[in-house]
Amino acid sequence: MGENERNNFGRYIEQLRKIRGKSLRETGRAIGVSPQFYSEVEKGRRGAFTKERMEMFANYLVLNEEERRTLYDKAKAANNTALPMDCEDYAADITLEKTVSLCLNETEKKDMYSLADENRTREFKMKQCLILIYNEN
């Protein structure tokens, strides 16, 4: 994790917290971490929060959609653009969409989406089958 990216994430969450007039101590408590741990994240000495804590943070400070996206983008950058545990769902959706739009022609896009639909349908049918088997026993 790059120090500069960690600092960017830390500065951003500090800015959000201060704009809303919240103390470091009460914000840490609201997301289930110690004030010391929260301070370390703001100072860039620790990585981004877990996915659950990111959600708690966003909800506690009542972040709007743009602020939430920026929060997750900075968390992703703080983790060297790998898919971090704290925001893998968000990052995976964005990465897939960018990959599809940048790398595939129209025919390839249709094929990929068709396969994805088939997989979702197959998964749904398997779940329904398991529910039926479970209910019969």
Protein backbone atom coordinates (compact mmCIF):
# COMPACT_ATOMS: atom_id res chain seq x y z
CA MET A 1 0.00 0.00 0.00
CA GLY A 2 1.54 3.31 -1.03
CA GLU A 3 2.10 5.85 1.70
CA ASN A 4 0.84 8.70 -0.48
CA GLU A 5 -2.43 6.90 -1.26
CA ARG A 6 -2.94 6.02 2.41
CA ASN A 7 -2.39 9.69 3.27
CA ASN A 8 -4.94 10.73 0.62
CA PHE A 9 -7.52 8.36 2.07
CA GLY A 10 -6.72 9.51 5.62
CA ARG A 11 -6.92 13.18 4.73
CA TYR A 12 -10.23 12.62 2.95
CA ILE A 13 -11.91 10.89 5.89
CA GLU A 14 -10.52 13.53 8.24
CA GLN A 15 -11.96 16.26 6.04
CA LEU A 16 -15.37 14.58 5.92
CA ARG A 17 -15.39 14.11 9.69
CA LYS A 18 -14.39 17.71 10.44
CA ILE A 19 -16.87 19.22 7.95
CA ARG A 20 -19.63 17.46 9.84
CA GLY A 21 -18.31 18.59 13.22
CA LYS A 22 -17.62 15.10 14.57
CA SER A 23 -14.74 14.30 16.89
CA LEU A 24 -12.21 11.62 16.16
CA ARG A 25 -13.26 9.78 19.31
CA GLU A 26 -16.99 9.74 18.53
CA THR A 27 -16.42 8.77 14.89
CA GLY A 28 -14.18 5.87 15.90
CA ARG A 29 -16.75 4.72 18.42
CA ALA A 30 -19.53 4.95 15.81
CA ILE A 31 -17.69 2.59 13.45
CA GLY A 32 -16.44 0.23 16.15
CA VAL A 33 -12.74 1.11 16.34
CA SER A 34 -10.63 2.72 19.02
CA PRO A 35 -9.76 6.41 18.73
CA GLN A 36 -6.11 5.35 18.38
CA PHE A 37 -6.86 3.07 15.43
CA TYR A 38 -9.04 5.70 13.77
CA SER A 39 -6.28 8.29 14.22
CA GLU A 40 -3.75 5.92 12.62
CA VAL A 41 -5.99 5.57 9.56
CA GLU A 42 -6.41 9.35 9.25
CA LYS A 43 -2.65 9.81 9.51
CA GLY A 44 -2.03 7.26 6.76
CA ARG A 45 -0.31 4.76 9.04
CA ARG A 46 -2.99 2.11 8.47
CA GLY A 47 -4.95 1.03 5.45
CA ALA A 48 -8.58 1.65 4.64
CA PHE A 49 -11.36 0.26 6.81
CA THR A 50 -13.17 -3.00 6.21
CA LYS A 51 -16.21 -2.92 3.94
CA GLU A 52 -18.52 -2.96 6.95
CA ARG A 53 -16.71 -0.08 8.63
CA MET A 54 -16.70 1.91 5.39
CA GLU A 55 -20.49 1.54 5.29
CA MET A 56 -20.80 2.48 8.96
CA PHE A 57 -18.58 5.52 8.37
CA ALA A 58 -20.59 6.62 5.32
CA ASN A 59 -23.89 6.16 7.15
CA TYR A 60 -22.70 7.85 10.34
CA LEU A 61 -21.56 10.94 8.45
CA VAL A 62 -24.54 10.77 6.06
CA LEU A 63 -22.36 10.87 2.95
CA ASN A 64 -24.00 11.59 -0.38
CA GLU A 65 -23.43 9.34 -3.42
CA GLU A 66 -20.49 11.37 -4.75
CA GLU A 67 -18.76 11.36 -1.36
CA ARG A 68 -19.31 7.61 -1.05
CA ARG A 69 -17.81 6.97 -4.48
CA THR A 70 -14.82 9.13 -3.67
CA LEU A 71 -14.41 7.33 -0.34
CA TYR A 72 -14.32 3.93 -2.05
CA ASP A 73 -12.09 5.19 -4.87
CA LYS A 74 -9.56 6.52 -2.37
CA ALA A 75 -9.73 3.27 -0.40
CA LYS A 76 -9.08 1.34 -3.60
CA ALA A 77 -6.10 3.55 -4.47
CA ALA A 78 -4.76 3.17 -0.93
CA ASN A 79 -4.66 -0.56 -1.55
CA ASN A 80 -2.58 -0.28 -4.76
CA THR A 81 -5.61 -0.64 -7.06
CA ALA A 82 -5.98 -4.29 -6.11
CA LEU A 83 -9.46 -5.28 -5.08
CA PRO A 84 -9.31 -4.62 -1.34
CA MET A 85 -11.50 -6.52 1.08
CA ASP A 86 -13.10 -3.29 2.24
CA CYS A 87 -14.66 -2.36 -1.09
CA GLU A 88 -14.36 -5.35 -3.38
CA ASP A 89 -18.04 -5.36 -4.37
CA TYR A 90 -17.98 -1.71 -5.40
CA ALA A 91 -14.62 -2.04 -7.15
CA ALA A 92 -15.60 -5.26 -8.93
CA ASP A 93 -18.70 -3.62 -10.41
CA ILE A 94 -16.77 -0.59 -11.61
CA THR A 95 -13.90 -2.69 -12.96
CA LEU A 96 -16.23 -5.00 -14.90
CA GLU A 97 -18.10 -2.08 -16.44
CA LYS A 98 -14.88 -0.33 -17.47
CA THR A 99 -13.43 -3.56 -18.85
CA VAL A 100 -16.52 -4.25 -20.92
CA SER A 101 -16.70 -0.74 -22.33
CA LEU A 102 -12.98 -0.42 -23.10
CA CYS A 103 -11.95 -3.87 -24.21
CA LEU A 104 -14.81 -5.51 -26.05
CA ASN A 105 -16.48 -4.79 -29.35
CA GLU A 106 -20.28 -4.85 -29.61
CA THR A 107 -20.51 -8.54 -30.58
CA GLU A 108 -18.19 -9.56 -27.73
CA LYS A 109 -20.23 -7.47 -25.29
CA LYS A 110 -23.46 -9.20 -26.34
CA ASP A 111 -21.80 -12.63 -25.99
CA MET A 112 -20.41 -11.77 -22.56
CA TYR A 113 -23.74 -10.43 -21.28
CA SER A 114 -25.53 -13.48 -22.67
CA LEU A 115 -23.15 -15.79 -20.81
CA ALA A 116 -23.60 -13.77 -17.63
CA ASP A 117 -27.39 -14.06 -17.94
CA GLU A 118 -27.11 -17.81 -18.51
CA ASN A 119 -24.91 -18.18 -15.43
CA ARG A 120 -27.33 -16.17 -13.27
CA THR A 121 -30.24 -18.29 -14.54
CA ARG A 122 -28.33 -21.52 -13.86
CA GLU A 123 -27.39 -20.33 -10.37
CA PHE A 124 -31.00 -19.37 -9.62
CA LYS A 125 -32.26 -22.78 -10.78
CA MET A 126 -29.67 -24.56 -8.61
CA LYS A 127 -30.74 -22.54 -5.56
CA GLN A 128 -34.40 -23.34 -6.22
CA CYS A 129 -33.54 -27.03 -6.53
CA LEU A 130 -31.64 -26.97 -3.24
CA ILE A 131 -34.57 -25.28 -1.51
CA LEU A 132 -36.94 -27.95 -2.82
CA ILE A 133 -34.64 -30.74 -1.64
CA TYR A 134 -34.22 -29.10 1.76
CA ASN A 135 -37.98 -28.63 2.17
CA GLU A 136 -38.68 -32.27 1.25
CA ASN A 137 -36.35 -33.53 3.99
